[in-house]
Amino acid sequence: MGVSGVTNMTTGMGIPLPSVSAVFLIAVETAGAIAFMLGLALPLLGIAFAVDMIGAIFYVHLDHGLTGQGGYELVLALCAAALALGFNGGRLSLDHFLFWRRLAQRRELQTA
């Protein structure tokens, strides 16, 4: 689809700043998704995904209600999940591994 296709899509949906929104959506939903799966920059990505989903709620799904056809129930759940996972990466995330490694090194330097 590319940037031009996503720009046309966002323009058709009435999303403000369609070219900026298109670049944001592509970055979050591709590179952000890969980094999210690896556990990199989780708090930032959680917020970015939540902003993406909040935009989808207000500009696409809100008129359909919460549970109607095309409603925002799933999008709201995805927003909550993005924030929950973003601020609680777990032991297998790269953020956890890199952060705890740096913390252990600082403690060693302080005790030495």
PDB file of N, CA and C in Angstrom:
ATOM      1  N   MET A   1       0.833  -1.184   0.000  1.00  0.00           N
ATOM      2  CA  MET A   1       0.000   0.000   0.000  1.00  0.00           C
ATOM      3  C   MET A   1       0.879   1.250   0.000  1.00  0.00           C
ATOM      4  N   GLY A   2       1.894   1.309   0.823  1.00  0.00           N
ATOM      5  CA  GLY A   2       2.829   2.425   0.826  1.00  0.00           C
ATOM      6  C   GLY A   2       2.276   3.669   1.491  1.00  0.00           C
ATOM      7  N   VAL A   3       3.136   4.676   1.590  1.00  0.00           N
ATOM      8  CA  VAL A   3       2.763   5.920   2.257  1.00  0.00           C
ATOM      9  C   VAL A   3       1.625   6.612   1.511  1.00  0.00           C
ATOM     10  N   SER A   4       1.683   6.634   0.180  1.00  0.00           N
ATOM     11  CA  SER A   4       0.630   7.320  -0.578  1.00  0.00           C
ATOM     12  C   SER A   4      -0.720   6.631  -0.392  1.00  0.00           C
ATOM     13  N   GLY A   5      -0.738   5.318  -0.362  1.00  0.00           N
ATOM     14  CA  GLY A   5      -1.993   4.598  -0.149  1.00  0.00           C
ATOM     15  C   GLY A   5      -2.570   4.843   1.230  1.00  0.00           C
ATOM     16  N   VAL A   6      -1.710   4.839   2.246  1.00  0.00           N
ATOM     17  CA  VAL A   6      -2.182   5.090   3.611  1.00  0.00           C
ATOM     18  C   VAL A   6      -2.613   6.550   3.748  1.00  0.00           C
ATOM     19  N   THR A   7      -1.916   7.469   3.075  1.00  0.00           N
ATOM     20  CA  THR A   7      -2.321   8.874   3.086  1.00  0.00           C
ATOM     21  C   THR A   7      -3.706   9.033   2.472  1.00  0.00           C
ATOM     22  N   ASN A   8      -3.952   8.369   1.352  1.00  0.00           N
ATOM     23  CA  ASN A   8      -5.282   8.422   0.731  1.00  0.00           C
ATOM     24  C   ASN A   8      -6.346   7.842   1.662  1.00  0.00           C
ATOM     25  N   MET A   9      -6.013   6.754   2.348  1.00  0.00           N
ATOM     26  CA  MET A   9      -6.951   6.130   3.280  1.00  0.00           C
ATOM     27  C   MET A   9      -7.280   7.080   4.433  1.00  0.00           C
ATOM     28  N   THR A  10      -6.247   7.698   5.031  1.00  0.00           N
ATOM     29  CA  THR A  10      -6.480   8.602   6.159  1.00  0.00           C
ATOM     30  C   THR A  10      -7.221   9.862   5.715  1.00  0.00           C
ATOM     31  N   THR A  11      -6.959  10.314   4.491  1.00  0.00           N
ATOM     32  CA  THR A  11      -7.696  11.460   3.958  1.00  0.00           C
ATOM     33  C   THR A  11      -9.172  11.114   3.830  1.00  0.00           C
ATOM     34  N   GLY A  12      -9.471   9.937   3.303  1.00  0.00           N
ATOM     35  CA  GLY A  12     -10.852   9.502   3.143  1.00  0.00           C
ATOM     36  C   GLY A  12     -11.586   9.340   4.462  1.00  0.00           C
ATOM     37  N   MET A  13     -10.867   9.039   5.526  1.00  0.00           N
ATOM     38  CA  MET A  13     -11.485   8.869   6.844  1.00  0.00           C
ATOM     39  C   MET A  13     -11.626  10.187   7.590  1.00  0.00           C
ATOM     40  N   GLY A  14     -11.059  11.263   7.037  1.00  0.00           N
ATOM     41  CA  GLY A  14     -11.147  12.561   7.689  1.00  0.00           C
ATOM     42  C   GLY A  14     -10.168  12.747   8.827  1.00  0.00           C
ATOM     43  N   ILE A  15      -9.093  11.980   8.826  1.00  0.00           N
ATOM     44  CA  ILE A  15      -8.078  12.095   9.872  1.00  0.00           C
ATOM     45  C   ILE A  15      -7.226  13.330   9.585  1.00  0.00           C
ATOM     46  N   PRO A  16      -7.002  14.205  10.574  1.00  0.00           N
ATOM     47  CA  PRO A  16      -6.203  15.409  10.337  1.00  0.00           C
ATOM     48  C   PRO A  16      -4.746  15.070  10.023  1.00  0.00           C
ATOM     49  N   LEU A  17      -4.107  15.963   9.277  1.00  0.00           N
ATOM     50  CA  LEU A  17      -2.719  15.790   8.839  1.00  0.00           C
ATOM     51  C   LEU A  17      -2.507  14.391   8.254  1.00  0.00           C
ATOM     52  N   PRO A  18      -3.168  14.081   7.155  1.00  0.00           N
ATOM     53  CA  PRO A  18      -3.149  12.712   6.643  1.00  0.00           C
ATOM     54  C   PRO A  18      -1.760  12.181   6.306  1.00  0.00           C
ATOM     55  N   SER A  19      -0.864  13.016   5.799  1.00  0.00           N
ATOM     56  CA  SER A  19       0.470  12.499   5.463  1.00  0.00           C
ATOM     57  C   SER A  19       1.282  12.206   6.720  1.00  0.00           C
ATOM     58  N   VAL A  20       1.171  13.058   7.731  1.00  0.00           N
ATOM     59  CA  VAL A  20       1.869  12.821   9.002  1.00  0.00           C
ATOM     60  C   VAL A  20       1.265  11.603   9.699  1.00  0.00           C
ATOM     61  N   SER A  21      -0.056  11.524   9.684  1.00  0.00           N
ATOM     62  CA  SER A  21      -0.732  10.373  10.290  1.00  0.00           C
ATOM     63  C   SER A  21      -0.342   9.076   9.599  1.00  0.00           C
ATOM     64  N   ALA A  22      -0.196   9.123   8.273  1.00  0.00           N
ATOM     65  CA  ALA A  22       0.174   7.922   7.521  1.00  0.00           C
ATOM     66  C   ALA A  22       1.560   7.432   7.922  1.00  0.00           C
ATOM     67  N   VAL A  23       2.510   8.340   8.027  1.00  0.00           N
ATOM     68  CA  VAL A  23       3.867   7.948   8.422  1.00  0.00           C
ATOM     69  C   VAL A  23       3.857   7.392   9.844  1.00  0.00           C
ATOM     70  N   PHE A  24       3.110   8.031  10.746  1.00  0.00           N
ATOM     71  CA  PHE A  24       2.995   7.548  12.124  1.00  0.00           C
ATOM     72  C   PHE A  24       2.401   6.146  12.156  1.00  0.00           C
ATOM     73  N   LEU A  25       1.306   5.932  11.430  1.00  0.00           N
ATOM     74  CA  LEU A  25       0.652   4.622  11.415  1.00  0.00           C
ATOM     75  C   LEU A  25       1.569   3.540  10.869  1.00  0.00           C
ATOM     76  N   ILE A  26       2.267   3.846   9.786  1.00  0.00           N
ATOM     77  CA  ILE A  26       3.175   2.858   9.193  1.00  0.00           C
ATOM     78  C   ILE A  26       4.304   2.528  10.158  1.00  0.00           C
ATOM     79  N   ALA A  27       4.883   3.553  10.779  1.00  0.00           N
ATOM     80  CA  ALA A  27       5.991   3.322  11.709  1.00  0.00           C
ATOM     81  C   ALA A  27       5.544   2.501  12.914  1.00  0.00           C
ATOM     82  N   VAL A  28       4.418   2.871  13.499  1.00  0.00           N
ATOM     83  CA  VAL A  28       3.941   2.168  14.695  1.00  0.00           C
ATOM     84  C   VAL A  28       3.528   0.740  14.368  1.00  0.00           C
ATOM     85  N   GLU A  29       2.806   0.567  13.270  1.00  0.00           N
ATOM     86  CA  GLU A  29       2.225  -0.743  12.996  1.00  0.00           C
ATOM     87  C   GLU A  29       3.177  -1.709  12.298  1.00  0.00           C
ATOM     88  N   THR A  30       4.341  -1.247  11.853  1.00  0.00           N
ATOM     89  CA  THR A  30       5.324  -2.181  11.275  1.00  0.00           C
ATOM     90  C   THR A  30       6.558  -2.275  12.167  1.00  0.00           C
ATOM     91  N   ALA A  31       7.381  -1.244  12.147  1.00  0.00           N
ATOM     92  CA  ALA A  31       8.603  -1.273  12.963  1.00  0.00           C
ATOM     93  C   ALA A  31       8.254  -1.338  14.447  1.00  0.00           C
ATOM     94  N   GLY A  32       7.215  -0.630  14.844  1.00  0.00           N
ATOM     95  CA  GLY A  32       6.790  -0.666  16.239  1.00  0.00           C
ATOM     96  C   GLY A  32       6.319  -2.040  16.663  1.00  0.00           C
ATOM     97  N   ALA A  33       5.616  -2.721  15.781  1.00  0.00           N
ATOM     98  CA  ALA A  33       5.137  -4.070  16.107  1.00  0.00           C
ATOM     99  C   ALA A  33       6.298  -5.042  16.278  1.00  0.00           C
ATOM    100  N   ILE A  34       7.304  -4.916  15.427  1.00  0.00           N
ATOM    101  CA  ILE A  34       8.480  -5.790  15.542  1.00  0.00           C
ATOM    102  C   ILE A  34       9.216  -5.513  16.851  1.00  0.00           C
ATOM    103  N   ALA A  35       9.447  -4.230  17.147  1.00  0.00           N
ATOM    104  CA  ALA A  35      10.126  -3.874  18.393  1.00  0.00           C
ATOM    105  C   ALA A  35       9.291  -4.290  19.606  1.00  0.00           C
ATOM    106  N   PHE A  36       7.981  -4.189  19.501  1.00  0.00           N
ATOM    107  CA  PHE A  36       7.085  -4.585  20.589  1.00  0.00           C
ATOM    108  C   PHE A  36       7.211  -6.077  20.864  1.00  0.00           C
ATOM    109  N   MET A  37       7.274  -6.874  19.799  1.00  0.00           N
ATOM    110  CA  MET A  37       7.415  -8.328  19.977  1.00  0.00           C
ATOM    111  C   MET A  37       8.760  -8.688  20.597  1.00  0.00           C
ATOM    112  N   LEU A  38       9.796  -7.912  20.280  1.00  0.00           N
ATOM    113  CA  LEU A  38      11.113  -8.163  20.854  1.00  0.00           C
ATOM    114  C   LEU A  38      11.233  -7.622  22.276  1.00  0.00           C
ATOM    115  N   GLY A  39      10.379  -6.700  22.620  1.00  0.00           N
ATOM    116  CA  GLY A  39      10.423  -6.127  23.955  1.00  0.00           C
ATOM    117  C   GLY A  39      11.350  -4.937  24.045  1.00  0.00           C
ATOM    118  N   LEU A  40      11.436  -4.143  22.990  1.00  0.00           N
ATOM    119  CA  LEU A  40      12.290  -2.959  22.968  1.00  0.00           C
ATOM    120  C   LEU A  40      11.449  -1.692  23.090  1.00  0.00           C
ATOM    121  N   ALA A  41      11.873  -0.770  23.928  1.00  0.00           N
ATOM    122  CA  ALA A  41      11.208   0.525  24.115  1.00  0.00           C
ATOM    123  C   ALA A  41       9.723   0.347  24.424  1.00  0.00           C
ATOM    124  N   LEU A  42       9.423  -0.576  25.305  1.00  0.00           N
ATOM    125  CA  LEU A  42       8.031  -0.943  25.562  1.00  0.00           C
ATOM    126  C   LEU A  42       7.141   0.209  26.038  1.00  0.00           C
ATOM    127  N   PRO A  43       7.556   1.038  26.976  1.00  0.00           N
ATOM    128  CA  PRO A  43       6.657   2.121  27.393  1.00  0.00           C
ATOM    129  C   PRO A  43       6.333   3.088  26.254  1.00  0.00           C
ATOM    130  N   LEU A  44       7.327   3.446  25.462  1.00  0.00           N
ATOM    131  CA  LEU A  44       7.079   4.353  24.336  1.00  0.00           C
ATOM    132  C   LEU A  44       6.153   3.720  23.312  1.00  0.00           C
ATOM    133  N   LEU A  45       6.381   2.457  23.018  1.00  0.00           N
ATOM    134  CA  LEU A  45       5.540   1.773  22.040  1.00  0.00           C
ATOM    135  C   LEU A  45       4.133   1.543  22.570  1.00  0.00           C
ATOM    136  N   GLY A  46       4.005   1.260  23.846  1.00  0.00           N
ATOM    137  CA  GLY A  46       2.676   1.117  24.430  1.00  0.00           C
ATOM    138  C   GLY A  46       1.864   2.393  24.276  1.00  0.00           C
ATOM    139  N   ILE A  47       2.503   3.527  24.531  1.00  0.00           N
ATOM    140  CA  ILE A  47       1.830   4.816  24.362  1.00  0.00           C
ATOM    141  C   ILE A  47       1.524   5.070  22.892  1.00  0.00           C
ATOM    142  N   ALA A  48       2.474   4.768  21.999  1.00  0.00           N
ATOM    143  CA  ALA A  48       2.258   4.980  20.564  1.00  0.00           C
ATOM    144  C   ALA A  48       1.095   4.133  20.047  1.00  0.00           C
ATOM    145  N   PHE A  49       1.042   2.867  20.442  1.00  0.00           N
ATOM    146  CA  PHE A  49      -0.079   2.013  20.035  1.00  0.00           C
ATOM    147  C   PHE A  49      -1.394   2.521  20.623  1.00  0.00           C
ATOM    148  N   ALA A  50      -1.372   2.996  21.856  1.00  0.00           N
ATOM    149  CA  ALA A  50      -2.589   3.528  22.475  1.00  0.00           C
ATOM    150  C   ALA A  50      -3.076   4.766  21.725  1.00  0.00           C
ATOM    151  N   VAL A  51      -2.154   5.647  21.342  1.00  0.00           N
ATOM    152  CA  VAL A  51      -2.524   6.831  20.555  1.00  0.00           C
ATOM    153  C   VAL A  51      -3.121   6.406  19.218  1.00  0.00           C
ATOM    154  N   ASP A  52      -2.520   5.407  18.587  1.00  0.00           N
ATOM    155  CA  ASP A  52      -3.037   4.852  17.333  1.00  0.00           C
ATOM    156  C   ASP A  52      -4.473   4.359  17.521  1.00  0.00           C
ATOM    157  N   MET A  53      -4.714   3.607  18.582  1.00  0.00           N
ATOM    158  CA  MET A  53      -6.044   3.048  18.819  1.00  0.00           C
ATOM    159  C   MET A  53      -7.056   4.125  19.218  1.00  0.00           C
ATOM    160  N   ILE A  54      -6.623   5.117  19.988  1.00  0.00           N
ATOM    161  CA  ILE A  54      -7.527   6.213  20.355  1.00  0.00           C
ATOM    162  C   ILE A  54      -7.943   6.989  19.112  1.00  0.00           C
ATOM    163  N   GLY A  55      -6.991   7.213  18.198  1.00  0.00           N
ATOM    164  CA  GLY A  55      -7.333   7.847  16.923  1.00  0.00           C
ATOM    165  C   GLY A  55      -8.330   7.019  16.137  1.00  0.00           C
ATOM    166  N   ALA A  56      -8.136   5.699  16.125  1.00  0.00           N
ATOM    167  CA  ALA A  56      -9.074   4.817  15.419  1.00  0.00           C
ATOM    168  C   ALA A  56     -10.463   4.882  16.051  1.00  0.00           C
ATOM    169  N   ILE A  57     -10.508   4.967  17.374  1.00  0.00           N
ATOM    170  CA  ILE A  57     -11.813   5.067  18.040  1.00  0.00           C
ATOM    171  C   ILE A  57     -12.522   6.349  17.619  1.00  0.00           C
ATOM    172  N   PHE A  58     -11.843   7.490  17.729  1.00  0.00           N
ATOM    173  CA  PHE A  58     -12.497   8.768  17.485  1.00  0.00           C
ATOM    174  C   PHE A  58     -12.793   9.039  16.015  1.00  0.00           C
ATOM    175  N   TYR A  59     -11.925   8.615  15.114  1.00  0.00           N
ATOM    176  CA  TYR A  59     -12.115   8.959  13.707  1.00  0.00           C
ATOM    177  C   TYR A  59     -12.789   7.876  12.881  1.00  0.00           C
ATOM    178  N   VAL A  60     -12.861   6.641  13.381  1.00  0.00           N
ATOM    179  CA  VAL A  60     -13.422   5.560  12.570  1.00  0.00           C
ATOM    180  C   VAL A  60     -14.590   4.865  13.269  1.00  0.00           C
ATOM    181  N   HIS A  61     -14.446   4.493  14.520  1.00  0.00           N
ATOM    182  CA  HIS A  61     -15.388   3.576  15.165  1.00  0.00           C
ATOM    183  C   HIS A  61     -16.429   4.219  16.078  1.00  0.00           C
ATOM    184  N   LEU A  62     -16.244   5.434  16.502  1.00  0.00           N
ATOM    185  CA  LEU A  62     -17.107   6.029  17.533  1.00  0.00           C
ATOM    186  C   LEU A  62     -18.572   6.109  17.104  1.00  0.00           C
ATOM    187  N   ASP A  63     -18.833   6.422  15.849  1.00  0.00           N
ATOM    188  CA  ASP A  63     -20.216   6.549  15.369  1.00  0.00           C
ATOM    189  C   ASP A  63     -20.980   5.230  15.398  1.00  0.00           C
ATOM    190  N   HIS A  64     -20.262   4.106  15.447  1.00  0.00           N
ATOM    191  CA  HIS A  64     -20.902   2.789  15.425  1.00  0.00           C
ATOM    192  C   HIS A  64     -21.231   2.272  16.825  1.00  0.00           C
ATOM    193  N   GLY A  65     -20.868   3.020  17.837  1.00  0.00           N
ATOM    194  CA  GLY A  65     -21.147   2.600  19.207  1.00  0.00           C
ATOM    195  C   GLY A  65     -20.106   1.618  19.724  1.00  0.00           C
ATOM    196  N   LEU A  66     -20.315   1.176  20.948  1.00  0.00           N
ATOM    197  CA  LEU A  66     -19.348   0.293  21.594  1.00  0.00           C
ATOM    198  C   LEU A  66     -19.368  -1.107  21.001  1.00  0.00           C
ATOM    199  N   THR A  67     -20.548  -1.706  20.894  1.00  0.00           N
ATOM    200  CA  THR A  67     -20.605  -3.110  20.486  1.00  0.00           C
ATOM    201  C   THR A  67     -21.287  -3.341  19.148  1.00  0.00           C
ATOM    202  N   GLY A  68     -21.696  -2.310  18.453  1.00  0.00           N
ATOM    203  CA  GLY A  68     -22.358  -2.493  17.166  1.00  0.00           C
ATOM    204  C   GLY A  68     -21.384  -2.950  16.089  1.00  0.00           C
ATOM    205  N   GLN A  69     -21.919  -3.197  14.890  1.00  0.00           N
ATOM    206  CA  GLN A  69     -21.077  -3.559  13.748  1.00  0.00           C
ATOM    207  C   GLN A  69     -20.091  -2.422  13.494  1.00  0.00           C
ATOM    208  N   GLY A  70     -18.807  -2.717  13.558  1.00  0.00           N
ATOM    209  CA  GLY A  70     -17.784  -1.688  13.397  1.00  0.00           C
ATOM    210  C   GLY A  70     -17.581  -0.848  14.641  1.00  0.00           C
ATOM    211  N   GLY A  71     -18.070  -1.311  15.772  1.00  0.00           N
ATOM    212  CA  GLY A  71     -17.940  -0.575  17.026  1.00  0.00           C
ATOM    213  C   GLY A  71     -16.508  -0.570  17.543  1.00  0.00           C
ATOM    214  N   TYR A  72     -16.301   0.144  18.624  1.00  0.00           N
ATOM    215  CA  TYR A  72     -14.939   0.349  19.124  1.00  0.00           C
ATOM    216  C   TYR A  72     -14.562  -0.567  20.285  1.00  0.00           C
ATOM    217  N   GLU A  73     -15.351  -1.582  20.557  1.00  0.00           N
ATOM    218  CA  GLU A  73     -15.061  -2.485  21.672  1.00  0.00           C
ATOM    219  C   GLU A  73     -13.684  -3.141  21.531  1.00  0.00           C
ATOM    220  N   LEU A  74     -13.386  -3.736  20.391  1.00  0.00           N
ATOM    221  CA  LEU A  74     -12.096  -4.398  20.170  1.00  0.00           C
ATOM    222  C   LEU A  74     -10.952  -3.393  20.189  1.00  0.00           C
ATOM    223  N   VAL A  75     -11.166  -2.244  19.573  1.00  0.00           N
ATOM    224  CA  VAL A  75     -10.114  -1.231  19.516  1.00  0.00           C
ATOM    225  C   VAL A  75      -9.791  -0.723  20.914  1.00  0.00           C
ATOM    226  N   LEU A  76     -10.797  -0.567  21.751  1.00  0.00           N
ATOM    227  CA  LEU A  76     -10.580  -0.150  23.138  1.00  0.00           C
ATOM    228  C   LEU A  76      -9.808  -1.213  23.911  1.00  0.00           C
ATOM    229  N   ALA A  77     -10.130  -2.483  23.670  1.00  0.00           N
ATOM    230  CA  ALA A  77      -9.395  -3.577  24.319  1.00  0.00           C
ATOM    231  C   ALA A  77      -7.944  -3.602  23.854  1.00  0.00           C
ATOM    232  N   LEU A  78      -7.706  -3.347  22.569  1.00  0.00           N
ATOM    233  CA  LEU A  78      -6.332  -3.291  22.057  1.00  0.00           C
ATOM    234  C   LEU A  78      -5.563  -2.125  22.669  1.00  0.00           C
ATOM    235  N   CYS A  79      -6.230  -1.005  22.878  1.00  0.00           N
ATOM    236  CA  CYS A  79      -5.602   0.152  23.522  1.00  0.00           C
ATOM    237  C   CYS A  79      -5.178  -0.197  24.944  1.00  0.00           C
ATOM    238  N   ALA A  80      -6.069  -0.822  25.694  1.00  0.00           N
ATOM    239  CA  ALA A  80      -5.749  -1.222  27.069  1.00  0.00           C
ATOM    240  C   ALA A  80      -4.632  -2.258  27.092  1.00  0.00           C
ATOM    241  N   ALA A  81      -4.658  -3.198  26.163  1.00  0.00           N
ATOM    242  CA  ALA A  81      -3.614  -4.224  26.100  1.00  0.00           C
ATOM    243  C   ALA A  81      -2.263  -3.613  25.761  1.00  0.00           C
ATOM    244  N   ALA A  82      -2.245  -2.642  24.860  1.00  0.00           N
ATOM    245  CA  ALA A  82      -0.987  -1.985  24.493  1.00  0.00           C
ATOM    246  C   ALA A  82      -0.371  -1.286  25.699  1.00  0.00           C
ATOM    247  N   LEU A  83      -1.198  -0.603  26.474  1.00  0.00           N
ATOM    248  CA  LEU A  83      -0.679   0.066  27.671  1.00  0.00           C
ATOM    249  C   LEU A  83      -0.232  -0.937  28.723  1.00  0.00           C
ATOM    250  N   ALA A  84      -0.999  -1.997  28.907  1.00  0.00           N
ATOM    251  CA  ALA A  84      -0.640  -3.010  29.902  1.00  0.00           C
ATOM    252  C   ALA A  84       0.668  -3.693  29.541  1.00  0.00           C
ATOM    253  N   LEU A  85       0.817  -4.084  28.300  1.00  0.00           N
ATOM    254  CA  LEU A  85       2.060  -4.736  27.874  1.00  0.00           C
ATOM    255  C   LEU A  85       3.216  -3.751  27.811  1.00  0.00           C
ATOM    256  N   GLY A  86       2.919  -2.512  27.454  1.00  0.00           N
ATOM    257  CA  GLY A  86       3.971  -1.504  27.356  1.00  0.00           C
ATOM    258  C   GLY A  86       4.629  -1.189  28.685  1.00  0.00           C
ATOM    259  N   PHE A  87       3.860  -1.255  29.757  1.00  0.00           N
ATOM    260  CA  PHE A  87       4.420  -0.923  31.062  1.00  0.00           C
ATOM    261  C   PHE A  87       4.674  -2.146  31.934  1.00  0.00           C
ATOM    262  N   ASN A  88       4.611  -3.334  31.326  1.00  0.00           N
ATOM    263  CA  ASN A  88       4.891  -4.558  32.068  1.00  0.00           C
ATOM    264  C   ASN A  88       5.443  -5.591  31.095  1.00  0.00           C
ATOM    265  N   GLY A  89       6.666  -5.385  30.642  1.00  0.00           N
ATOM    266  CA  GLY A  89       7.238  -6.227  29.602  1.00  0.00           C
ATOM    267  C   GLY A  89       7.530  -7.655  30.006  1.00  0.00           C
ATOM    268  N   GLY A  90       7.859  -7.878  31.228  1.00  0.00           N
ATOM    269  CA  GLY A  90       8.166  -9.232  31.668  1.00  0.00           C
ATOM    270  C   GLY A  90       9.640  -9.566  31.536  1.00  0.00           C
ATOM    271  N   ARG A  91      10.006 -10.730  32.035  1.00  0.00           N
ATOM    272  CA  ARG A  91      11.413 -11.123  32.105  1.00  0.00           C
ATOM    273  C   ARG A  91      12.026 -11.469  30.765  1.00  0.00           C
ATOM    274  N   LEU A  92      11.224 -11.819  29.779  1.00  0.00           N
ATOM    275  CA  LEU A  92      11.773 -12.214  28.487  1.00  0.00           C
ATOM    276  C   LEU A  92      11.951 -11.052  27.521  1.00  0.00           C
ATOM    277  N   SER A  93      11.561  -9.848  27.900  1.00  0.00           N
ATOM    278  CA  SER A  93      11.718  -8.698  27.010  1.00  0.00           C
ATOM    279  C   SER A  93      13.174  -8.238  27.005  1.00  0.00           C
ATOM    280  N   LEU A  94      13.584  -7.674  25.886  1.00  0.00           N
ATOM    281  CA  LEU A  94      14.944  -7.138  25.801  1.00  0.00           C
ATOM    282  C   LEU A  94      15.116  -5.930  26.707  1.00  0.00           C
ATOM    283  N   ASP A  95      14.065  -5.139  26.890  1.00  0.00           N
ATOM    284  CA  ASP A  95      14.137  -4.020  27.834  1.00  0.00           C
ATOM    285  C   ASP A  95      14.503  -4.511  29.231  1.00  0.00           C
ATOM    286  N   HIS A  96      13.868  -5.558  29.676  1.00  0.00           N
ATOM    287  CA  HIS A  96      14.139  -6.115  31.005  1.00  0.00           C
ATOM    288  C   HIS A  96      15.581  -6.595  31.085  1.00  0.00           C
ATOM    289  N   PHE A  97      16.023  -7.334  30.090  1.00  0.00           N
ATOM    290  CA  PHE A  97      17.384  -7.866  30.083  1.00  0.00           C
ATOM    291  C   PHE A  97      18.408  -6.739  30.102  1.00  0.00           C
ATOM    292  N   LEU A  98      18.238  -5.737  29.233  1.00  0.00           N
ATOM    293  CA  LEU A  98      19.203  -4.637  29.151  1.00  0.00           C
ATOM    294  C   LEU A  98      19.158  -3.765  30.400  1.00  0.00           C
ATOM    295  N   PHE A  99      17.956  -3.497  30.918  1.00  0.00           N
ATOM    296  CA  PHE A  99      17.824  -2.652  32.093  1.00  0.00           C
ATOM    297  C   PHE A  99      18.441  -3.318  33.317  1.00  0.00           C
ATOM    298  N   TRP A 100      18.123  -4.574  33.566  1.00  0.00           N
ATOM    299  CA  TRP A 100      18.642  -5.255  34.749  1.00  0.00           C
ATOM    300  C   TRP A 100      20.136  -5.476  34.652  1.00  0.00           C
ATOM    301  N   ARG A 101      20.642  -5.647  33.453  1.00  0.00           N
ATOM    302  CA  ARG A 101      22.092  -5.799  33.285  1.00  0.00           C
ATOM    303  C   ARG A 101      22.800  -4.502  33.674  1.00  0.00           C
ATOM    304  N   ARG A 102      22.262  -3.373  33.185  1.00  0.00           N
ATOM    305  CA  ARG A 102      22.856  -2.082  33.545  1.00  0.00           C
ATOM    306  C   ARG A 102      22.729  -1.812  35.041  1.00  0.00           C
ATOM    307  N   LEU A 103      21.606  -2.173  35.625  1.00  0.00           N
ATOM    308  CA  LEU A 103      21.401  -1.972  37.051  1.00  0.00           C
ATOM    309  C   LEU A 103      22.387  -2.805  37.866  1.00  0.00           C
ATOM    310  N   ALA A 104      22.627  -4.040  37.455  1.00  0.00           N
ATOM    311  CA  ALA A 104      23.590  -4.903  38.151  1.00  0.00           C
ATOM    312  C   ALA A 104      24.999  -4.334  38.042  1.00  0.00           C
ATOM    313  N   GLN A 105      25.351  -3.790  36.877  1.00  0.00           N
ATOM    314  CA  GLN A 105      26.678  -3.197  36.711  1.00  0.00           C
ATOM    315  C   GLN A 105      26.842  -1.978  37.607  1.00  0.00           C
ATOM    316  N   ARG A 106      25.807  -1.158  37.727  1.00  0.00           N
ATOM    317  CA  ARG A 106      25.882   0.012  38.607  1.00  0.00           C
ATOM    318  C   ARG A 106      26.051  -0.407  40.065  1.00  0.00           C
ATOM    319  N   ARG A 107      25.329  -1.440  40.468  1.00  0.00           N
ATOM    320  CA  ARG A 107      25.446  -1.914  41.850  1.00  0.00           C
ATOM    321  C   ARG A 107      26.843  -2.437  42.136  1.00  0.00           C
ATOM    322  N   GLU A 108      27.437  -3.132  41.160  1.00  0.00           N
ATOM    323  CA  GLU A 108      28.802  -3.634  41.335  1.00  0.00           C
ATOM    324  C   GLU A 108      29.778  -2.486  41.488  1.00  0.00           C
ATOM    325  N   LEU A 109      29.599  -1.425  40.697  1.00  0.00           N
ATOM    326  CA  LEU A 109      30.487  -0.269  40.795  1.00  0.00           C
ATOM    327  C   LEU A 109      30.315   0.451  42.127  1.00  0.00           C
ATOM    328  N   GLN A 110      29.102   0.524  42.627  1.00  0.00           N
ATOM    329  CA  GLN A 110      28.851   1.200  43.893  1.00  0.00           C
ATOM    330  C   GLN A 110      29.411   0.419  45.077  1.00  0.00           C
ATOM    331  N   THR A 111      29.378  -0.899  45.018  1.00  0.00           N
ATOM    332  CA  THR A 111      29.879  -1.704  46.125  1.00  0.00           C
ATOM    333  C   THR A 111      31.390  -1.876  46.076  1.00  0.00           C
ATOM    334  N   ALA A 112      31.990  -1.651  44.922  1.00  0.00           N
ATOM    335  CA  ALA A 112      33.442  -1.836  44.793  1.00  0.00           C
ATOM    336  C   ALA A 112      34.212  -0.669  45.352  1.00  0.00           C
TER     337      ALA A 112
END
